[in-house]
Structures are given as C-alpha cells and as structure tokens.
Amino acid sequence: MPGPHDKIIAESAKSALGPLGFQRKGRSRTWLADHGWWLTVVEFQPSAWSKGSFLNVAAHWLWSEMDCISFDFGGRVQEHVEYLSEVQFAPAAASLAEKAFLEAQRLAEMITSLKAASDILLNEERTARYGGGGWMAYNAGVAAALVGRRDPATEMFNRVLNGPAPADSLVHTTAKRMAALATDPVRLKDEIATLIKRHRTELKLPGLDQPAY
C-alpha cells in the first residue's frame, strides 16, 4: 500500500517533470517522456530495506524486442535517500525531482537526432571497458543503420554475433536478423519501424501516423 513518502515523490515528480512532458506510468514511480523512437525514463526506485528512493534517469530505445523498459543509456543519478518523516522527506524528494529534471534535460540536449544517437552509441560501444558485444552494440547498429551508416551498422551487429551473448538469446537473434537485412536499407528500416510500433503498443504509448524516426 502506498505510503506518505510515495505521495510526496509523486507530487514532486509531477511538479518538476510535468513541464518537460513527462507522464507517470500508471501508479508506479516511473515517469516517461516520449520522443517517438526513444523514451526518457525517470525512476524513483524504491528500496527493499527502507522507505525512500534512489533516482535513475536514462534513455530507452524503442527498437528492441523486449517487453519491458530498460535503462539503455544512463542510469543511477542519486543513491538512496531515506524517508524519516514527511517534514524531512518533502525537500529531499523535491531535490530528487530537480536532479531528475536536470538529467532529463541533459539527455534531451545530447540526443537531438538519430545521427547524434548514432555518434554517442558507436563511441560508447567502441570504448566500452567491459568488451561490448551486447545490447549497446545492437542499439549502436540500429541507430547507425537508420542514418545510412551501413559499414558501422554491420560492424555493430557482428559484434553481437561474435560476442558473449548465447545464440538463443534475444539480443543475438535480433542482431542476426538485422545483420541479414543490412544490405537492404529499405527492408531494414521497415523492420525497425515495426519493432518500434510493437514496443510502443506493449508499453501503451500512443500510436504514430508515420515512422517514429
């Protein structure tokens, strides 16, 4: 059952994020800003151990085949802030919401276009310390394909296919399908448009009259 801290968080989030076009996802602590082919995701993440909230802010690309919201670019902004009393937590929640606002703005200023997203994701994957070859590579491949960067797109999809992901994993099977379409830009874009449309439907986002990108 929601407690007073949940209400305080919701009110602070609405006040800070509403001007940026965010909508609350049901009665959850997740707020979404819709950019057509991607979402800004703000999560006031609860703790399993005490009342209060963490803060996560990230971009979620809508061209995956996942049926959930993932934090694809971005992540933890603030560690757990504990709820002790309404008087103590109200300004703390307002501060969390303000940090969410600023980080959401920063992401929006970075991801101004598909080309910008492609630049960011290619760089992230190519400089990844963990070795890469997972969803970051897949996302970089899709973004590159959508802006006509065929060779980098193929490189990224091959990173997934030659990476650590099992052959029957979602990221591997999806990247394999995209790699097979890499020589046919029209079909590839149609496939990506279909994925975006399907994922938007799964997340109960409004339909679009034209491809999201």
C-alpha atoms as a PDB file:
ATOM      1  CA  MET A   1       0.000   0.000   0.000  1.00  0.00           C
ATOM      2  CA  PRO A   2       1.406   3.432  -0.932  1.00  0.00           C
ATOM      3  CA  GLY A   3       2.722   5.421   1.983  1.00  0.00           C
ATOM      4  CA  PRO A   4       3.107   9.160   2.577  1.00  0.00           C
ATOM      5  CA  HIS A   5       6.576   9.068   1.001  1.00  0.00           C
ATOM      6  CA  ASP A   6       5.070   7.735  -2.246  1.00  0.00           C
ATOM      7  CA  LYS A   7       2.636  10.632  -2.381  1.00  0.00           C
ATOM      8  CA  ILE A   8       5.417  13.142  -1.737  1.00  0.00           C
ATOM      9  CA  ILE A   9       7.524  11.627  -4.527  1.00  0.00           C
ATOM     10  CA  ALA A  10       4.598  11.682  -6.970  1.00  0.00           C
ATOM     11  CA  GLU A  11       3.801  15.318  -6.230  1.00  0.00           C
ATOM     12  CA  SER A  12       7.435  16.390  -6.526  1.00  0.00           C
ATOM     13  CA  ALA A  13       7.878  14.460  -9.785  1.00  0.00           C
ATOM     14  CA  LYS A  14       4.736  15.927 -11.329  1.00  0.00           C
ATOM     15  CA  SER A  15       5.805  19.447 -10.436  1.00  0.00           C
ATOM     16  CA  ALA A  16       9.359  19.088 -11.753  1.00  0.00           C
ATOM     17  CA  LEU A  17       8.862  16.784 -14.730  1.00  0.00           C
ATOM     18  CA  GLY A  18       5.453  17.865 -15.991  1.00  0.00           C
ATOM     19  CA  PRO A  19       6.876  20.908 -17.833  1.00  0.00           C
ATOM     20  CA  LEU A  20       9.123  18.528 -19.822  1.00  0.00           C
ATOM     21  CA  GLY A  21       6.150  16.470 -20.987  1.00  0.00           C
ATOM     22  CA  PHE A  22       6.641  13.517 -18.661  1.00  0.00           C
ATOM     23  CA  GLN A  23       3.736  11.224 -17.860  1.00  0.00           C
ATOM     24  CA  ARG A  24       3.563   8.878 -14.914  1.00  0.00           C
ATOM     25  CA  LYS A  25       3.437   5.186 -15.850  1.00  0.00           C
ATOM     26  CA  GLY A  26       0.262   4.063 -14.132  1.00  0.00           C
ATOM     27  CA  ARG A  27       0.627   4.348 -10.362  1.00  0.00           C
ATOM     28  CA  SER A  28       4.305   3.426 -10.442  1.00  0.00           C
ATOM     29  CA  ARG A  29       7.317   5.531  -9.560  1.00  0.00           C
ATOM     30  CA  THR A  30       8.374   5.618 -13.212  1.00  0.00           C
ATOM     31  CA  TRP A  31       7.877   8.684 -15.398  1.00  0.00           C
ATOM     32  CA  LEU A  32       8.268   8.720 -19.181  1.00  0.00           C
ATOM     33  CA  ALA A  33       8.876  11.409 -21.790  1.00  0.00           C
ATOM     34  CA  ASP A  34       8.023  10.205 -25.292  1.00  0.00           C
ATOM     35  CA  HIS A  35      10.334  11.124 -28.183  1.00  0.00           C
ATOM     36  CA  GLY A  36       8.878   8.765 -30.792  1.00  0.00           C
ATOM     37  CA  TRP A  37      11.786   6.353 -31.214  1.00  0.00           C
ATOM     38  CA  TRP A  38      13.092   6.656 -27.662  1.00  0.00           C
ATOM     39  CA  LEU A  39      11.925   7.481 -24.149  1.00  0.00           C
ATOM     40  CA  THR A  40      13.460   9.411 -21.314  1.00  0.00           C
ATOM     41  CA  VAL A  41      12.874   7.202 -18.282  1.00  0.00           C
ATOM     42  CA  VAL A  42      12.916   8.582 -14.747  1.00  0.00           C
ATOM     43  CA  GLU A  43      12.571   6.052 -11.956  1.00  0.00           C
ATOM     44  CA  PHE A  44      12.280   6.940  -8.285  1.00  0.00           C
ATOM     45  CA  GLN A  45      13.392   3.456  -7.354  1.00  0.00           C
ATOM     46  CA  PRO A  46      12.216   2.083  -4.003  1.00  0.00           C
ATOM     47  CA  SER A  47      14.439   0.160  -1.644  1.00  0.00           C
ATOM     48  CA  ALA A  48      13.678  -3.322  -0.372  1.00  0.00           C
ATOM     49  CA  TRP A  49      15.031  -2.365   3.043  1.00  0.00           C
ATOM     50  CA  SER A  50      13.713   1.067   3.942  1.00  0.00           C
ATOM     51  CA  LYS A  51      11.324   3.774   2.810  1.00  0.00           C
ATOM     52  CA  GLY A  52      12.714   6.387   0.493  1.00  0.00           C
ATOM     53  CA  SER A  53      14.069   6.464  -3.046  1.00  0.00           C
ATOM     54  CA  PHE A  54      17.020   6.036  -5.380  1.00  0.00           C
ATOM     55  CA  LEU A  55      16.975   8.032  -8.624  1.00  0.00           C
ATOM     56  CA  ASN A  56      17.649   6.560 -12.061  1.00  0.00           C
ATOM     57  CA  VAL A  57      17.445   8.514 -15.328  1.00  0.00           C
ATOM     58  CA  ALA A  58      18.169   7.000 -18.722  1.00  0.00           C
ATOM     59  CA  ALA A  59      17.248   6.772 -22.380  1.00  0.00           C
ATOM     60  CA  HIS A  60      15.297   3.714 -23.530  1.00  0.00           C
ATOM     61  CA  TRP A  61      15.420   2.894 -27.242  1.00  0.00           C
ATOM     62  CA  LEU A  62      12.117   1.596 -28.577  1.00  0.00           C
ATOM     63  CA  TRP A  63      13.573  -0.646 -31.292  1.00  0.00           C
ATOM     64  CA  SER A  64      14.353  -3.636 -29.088  1.00  0.00           C
ATOM     65  CA  GLU A  65      12.111  -6.693 -28.896  1.00  0.00           C
ATOM     66  CA  MET A  66      11.948  -6.527 -25.119  1.00  0.00           C
ATOM     67  CA  ASP A  67       8.535  -6.141 -23.499  1.00  0.00           C
ATOM     68  CA  CYS A  68       9.855  -4.033 -20.635  1.00  0.00           C
ATOM     69  CA  ILE A  69      11.573  -0.707 -20.084  1.00  0.00           C
ATOM     70  CA  SER A  70      15.352  -0.914 -19.858  1.00  0.00           C
ATOM     71  CA  PHE A  71      17.924   1.702 -18.924  1.00  0.00           C
ATOM     72  CA  ASP A  72      19.878   1.717 -22.184  1.00  0.00           C
ATOM     73  CA  PHE A  73      21.920   4.913 -21.867  1.00  0.00           C
ATOM     74  CA  GLY A  74      22.261   6.497 -18.453  1.00  0.00           C
ATOM     75  CA  GLY A  75      21.455   5.071 -15.051  1.00  0.00           C
ATOM     76  CA  ARG A  76      21.902   5.882 -11.367  1.00  0.00           C
ATOM     77  CA  VAL A  77      21.851   9.601 -10.576  1.00  0.00           C
ATOM     78  CA  GLN A  78      21.305   9.537  -6.824  1.00  0.00           C
ATOM     79  CA  GLU A  79      21.825   6.879  -4.180  1.00  0.00           C
ATOM     80  CA  HIS A  80      19.098   6.079  -1.683  1.00  0.00           C
ATOM     81  CA  VAL A  81      17.524   8.955   0.228  1.00  0.00           C
ATOM     82  CA  GLU A  82      15.758   7.630   3.302  1.00  0.00           C
ATOM     83  CA  TYR A  83      12.315   8.695   4.440  1.00  0.00           C
ATOM     84  CA  LEU A  84      12.302   9.597   8.126  1.00  0.00           C
ATOM     85  CA  SER A  85       9.329  11.946   8.301  1.00  0.00           C
ATOM     86  CA  GLU A  86       7.148  13.986   5.967  1.00  0.00           C
ATOM     87  CA  VAL A  87       8.861  17.185   7.096  1.00  0.00           C
ATOM     88  CA  GLN A  88      12.318  15.751   6.416  1.00  0.00           C
ATOM     89  CA  PHE A  89      11.443  13.967   3.153  1.00  0.00           C
ATOM     90  CA  ALA A  90       9.496  16.690   1.327  1.00  0.00           C
ATOM     91  CA  PRO A  91      12.565  18.823   0.484  1.00  0.00           C
ATOM     92  CA  ALA A  92      14.594  15.655  -0.181  1.00  0.00           C
ATOM     93  CA  ALA A  93      12.026  14.474  -2.736  1.00  0.00           C
ATOM     94  CA  ALA A  94      11.947  17.927  -4.321  1.00  0.00           C
ATOM     95  CA  SER A  95      15.736  17.734  -4.668  1.00  0.00           C
ATOM     96  CA  LEU A  96      15.491  14.303  -6.293  1.00  0.00           C
ATOM     97  CA  ALA A  97      12.892  15.591  -8.731  1.00  0.00           C
ATOM     98  CA  GLU A  98      15.068  18.595  -9.587  1.00  0.00           C
ATOM     99  CA  LYS A  99      18.016  16.289 -10.269  1.00  0.00           C
ATOM    100  CA  ALA A 100      15.740  14.209 -12.485  1.00  0.00           C
ATOM    101  CA  PHE A 101      14.698  17.344 -14.366  1.00  0.00           C
ATOM    102  CA  LEU A 102      18.307  18.401 -14.969  1.00  0.00           C
ATOM    103  CA  GLU A 103      19.438  14.942 -16.078  1.00  0.00           C
ATOM    104  CA  ALA A 104      16.434  14.579 -18.390  1.00  0.00           C
ATOM    105  CA  GLN A 105      17.279  17.918 -19.934  1.00  0.00           C
ATOM    106  CA  ARG A 106      20.894  16.868 -20.364  1.00  0.00           C
ATOM    107  CA  LEU A 107      19.869  13.691 -22.192  1.00  0.00           C
ATOM    108  CA  ALA A 108      17.469  15.591 -24.444  1.00  0.00           C
ATOM    109  CA  GLU A 109      20.239  18.051 -25.331  1.00  0.00           C
ATOM    110  CA  MET A 110      22.550  15.150 -26.204  1.00  0.00           C
ATOM    111  CA  ILE A 111      20.074  13.031 -28.168  1.00  0.00           C
ATOM    112  CA  THR A 112      18.829  15.678 -30.570  1.00  0.00           C
ATOM    113  CA  SER A 113      18.638  13.386 -33.599  1.00  0.00           C
ATOM    114  CA  LEU A 114      19.267   9.859 -34.794  1.00  0.00           C
ATOM    115  CA  LYS A 115      22.687  10.978 -36.027  1.00  0.00           C
ATOM    116  CA  ALA A 116      23.535  12.262 -32.565  1.00  0.00           C
ATOM    117  CA  ALA A 117      22.351   8.983 -31.041  1.00  0.00           C
ATOM    118  CA  SER A 118      24.434   7.048 -33.573  1.00  0.00           C
ATOM    119  CA  ASP A 119      27.548   9.061 -32.728  1.00  0.00           C
ATOM    120  CA  ILE A 120      27.031   8.541 -28.999  1.00  0.00           C
ATOM    121  CA  LEU A 121      26.307   4.825 -29.177  1.00  0.00           C
ATOM    122  CA  LEU A 122      29.115   3.977 -31.594  1.00  0.00           C
ATOM    123  CA  ASN A 123      31.551   5.769 -29.320  1.00  0.00           C
ATOM    124  CA  GLU A 124      30.162   4.080 -26.201  1.00  0.00           C
ATOM    125  CA  GLU A 125      30.446   0.622 -27.729  1.00  0.00           C
ATOM    126  CA  ARG A 126      33.889   1.141 -29.228  1.00  0.00           C
ATOM    127  CA  THR A 127      35.313   2.445 -25.952  1.00  0.00           C
ATOM    128  CA  ALA A 128      33.469   0.029 -23.635  1.00  0.00           C
ATOM    129  CA  ARG A 129      35.730  -1.328 -20.913  1.00  0.00           C
ATOM    130  CA  TYR A 130      33.684  -4.490 -20.472  1.00  0.00           C
ATOM    131  CA  GLY A 131      34.371  -5.656 -24.029  1.00  0.00           C
ATOM    132  CA  GLY A 132      30.982  -4.883 -25.555  1.00  0.00           C
ATOM    133  CA  GLY A 133      29.019  -7.099 -27.863  1.00  0.00           C
ATOM    134  CA  GLY A 134      25.657  -6.849 -26.102  1.00  0.00           C
ATOM    135  CA  TRP A 135      22.658  -4.557 -26.244  1.00  0.00           C
ATOM    136  CA  MET A 136      24.827  -1.445 -26.563  1.00  0.00           C
ATOM    137  CA  ALA A 137      26.308  -2.850 -29.776  1.00  0.00           C
ATOM    138  CA  TYR A 138      22.850  -3.785 -31.062  1.00  0.00           C
ATOM    139  CA  ASN A 139      21.491  -0.317 -30.305  1.00  0.00           C
ATOM    140  CA  ALA A 140      24.501   1.308 -31.948  1.00  0.00           C
ATOM    141  CA  GLY A 141      23.926  -0.859 -35.010  1.00  0.00           C
ATOM    142  CA  VAL A 142      20.276   0.123 -35.313  1.00  0.00           C
ATOM    143  CA  ALA A 143      20.998   3.831 -34.907  1.00  0.00           C
ATOM    144  CA  ALA A 144      23.790   3.621 -37.495  1.00  0.00           C
ATOM    145  CA  ALA A 145      21.540   1.758 -39.933  1.00  0.00           C
ATOM    146  CA  LEU A 146      18.786   4.343 -39.624  1.00  0.00           C
ATOM    147  CA  VAL A 147      21.143   7.161 -40.654  1.00  0.00           C
ATOM    148  CA  GLY A 148      22.643   5.217 -43.551  1.00  0.00           C
ATOM    149  CA  ARG A 149      25.903   4.143 -41.917  1.00  0.00           C
ATOM    150  CA  ARG A 150      25.938   0.659 -43.390  1.00  0.00           C
ATOM    151  CA  ASP A 151      29.502  -0.376 -42.503  1.00  0.00           C
ATOM    152  CA  PRO A 152      29.330   0.714 -38.838  1.00  0.00           C
ATOM    153  CA  ALA A 153      25.896  -0.919 -38.550  1.00  0.00           C
ATOM    154  CA  THR A 154      27.276  -4.209 -39.858  1.00  0.00           C
ATOM    155  CA  GLU A 155      30.263  -3.885 -37.524  1.00  0.00           C
ATOM    156  CA  MET A 156      27.974  -3.457 -34.520  1.00  0.00           C
ATOM    157  CA  PHE A 157      25.658  -6.342 -35.392  1.00  0.00           C
ATOM    158  CA  ASN A 158      28.694  -8.576 -35.926  1.00  0.00           C
ATOM    159  CA  ARG A 159      29.984  -7.575 -32.502  1.00  0.00           C
ATOM    160  CA  VAL A 160      26.808  -9.047 -31.035  1.00  0.00           C
ATOM    161  CA  LEU A 161      27.002 -12.191 -33.170  1.00  0.00           C
ATOM    162  CA  ASN A 162      30.657 -12.728 -32.233  1.00  0.00           C
ATOM    163  CA  GLY A 163      30.210 -11.608 -28.646  1.00  0.00           C
ATOM    164  CA  PRO A 164      29.392 -13.392 -25.385  1.00  0.00           C
ATOM    165  CA  ALA A 165      25.609 -13.489 -25.796  1.00  0.00           C
ATOM    166  CA  PRO A 166      24.250 -17.056 -26.274  1.00  0.00           C
ATOM    167  CA  ALA A 167      22.996 -17.879 -29.774  1.00  0.00           C
ATOM    168  CA  ASP A 168      19.439 -18.306 -28.492  1.00  0.00           C
ATOM    169  CA  SER A 169      19.398 -15.006 -26.551  1.00  0.00           C
ATOM    170  CA  LEU A 170      17.086 -12.191 -27.626  1.00  0.00           C
ATOM    171  CA  VAL A 171      19.905  -9.790 -28.422  1.00  0.00           C
ATOM    172  CA  HIS A 172      21.694 -12.387 -30.571  1.00  0.00           C
ATOM    173  CA  THR A 173      18.639 -13.484 -32.551  1.00  0.00           C
ATOM    174  CA  THR A 174      17.540  -9.880 -33.131  1.00  0.00           C
ATOM    175  CA  ALA A 175      21.011  -8.771 -34.213  1.00  0.00           C
ATOM    176  CA  LYS A 176      21.232 -11.771 -36.550  1.00  0.00           C
ATOM    177  CA  ARG A 177      18.007 -10.729 -38.260  1.00  0.00           C
ATOM    178  CA  MET A 178      19.209  -7.134 -38.580  1.00  0.00           C
ATOM    179  CA  ALA A 179      22.582  -8.222 -39.950  1.00  0.00           C
ATOM    180  CA  ALA A 180      20.830 -10.239 -42.649  1.00  0.00           C
ATOM    181  CA  LEU A 181      18.937  -7.098 -43.681  1.00  0.00           C
ATOM    182  CA  ALA A 182      21.954  -4.790 -43.612  1.00  0.00           C
ATOM    183  CA  THR A 183      22.333  -4.881 -47.395  1.00  0.00           C
ATOM    184  CA  ASP A 184      18.707  -3.805 -47.887  1.00  0.00           C
ATOM    185  CA  PRO A 185      18.255  -0.418 -46.161  1.00  0.00           C
ATOM    186  CA  VAL A 186      14.558  -0.137 -47.036  1.00  0.00           C
ATOM    187  CA  ARG A 187      13.645  -3.508 -45.537  1.00  0.00           C
ATOM    188  CA  LEU A 188      15.855  -2.843 -42.537  1.00  0.00           C
ATOM    189  CA  LYS A 189      14.123   0.466 -41.806  1.00  0.00           C
ATOM    190  CA  ASP A 190      10.726  -1.171 -42.235  1.00  0.00           C
ATOM    191  CA  GLU A 191      11.732  -3.869 -39.738  1.00  0.00           C
ATOM    192  CA  ILE A 192      12.893  -1.271 -37.223  1.00  0.00           C
ATOM    193  CA  ALA A 193       9.675   0.710 -37.702  1.00  0.00           C
ATOM    194  CA  THR A 194       7.720  -2.473 -36.968  1.00  0.00           C
ATOM    195  CA  LEU A 195       9.717  -3.111 -33.799  1.00  0.00           C
ATOM    196  CA  ILE A 196       9.138   0.440 -32.581  1.00  0.00           C
ATOM    197  CA  LYS A 197       5.419   0.251 -33.305  1.00  0.00           C
ATOM    198  CA  ARG A 198       5.105  -3.089 -31.492  1.00  0.00           C
ATOM    199  CA  HIS A 199       7.033  -1.908 -28.466  1.00  0.00           C
ATOM    200  CA  ARG A 200       5.001   1.296 -28.261  1.00  0.00           C
ATOM    201  CA  THR A 201       1.848  -0.817 -28.252  1.00  0.00           C
ATOM    202  CA  GLU A 202       3.236  -3.063 -25.492  1.00  0.00           C
ATOM    203  CA  LEU A 203       4.018  -0.014 -23.373  1.00  0.00           C
ATOM    204  CA  LYS A 204       0.580   1.505 -24.094  1.00  0.00           C
ATOM    205  CA  LEU A 205       2.094   4.548 -25.788  1.00  0.00           C
ATOM    206  CA  PRO A 206       0.048   6.487 -28.361  1.00  0.00           C
ATOM    207  CA  GLY A 207       0.156   5.275 -31.945  1.00  0.00           C
ATOM    208  CA  LEU A 208       2.052   7.305 -34.545  1.00  0.00           C
ATOM    209  CA  ASP A 209       0.826   8.251 -38.013  1.00  0.00           C
ATOM    210  CA  GLN A 210       4.299   7.800 -39.511  1.00  0.00           C
ATOM    211  CA  PRO A 211       7.550   6.034 -38.607  1.00  0.00           C
ATOM    212  CA  ALA A 212       8.844   7.292 -35.269  1.00  0.00           C
ATOM    213  CA  TYR A 213      12.220   8.238 -36.740  1.00  0.00           C
END
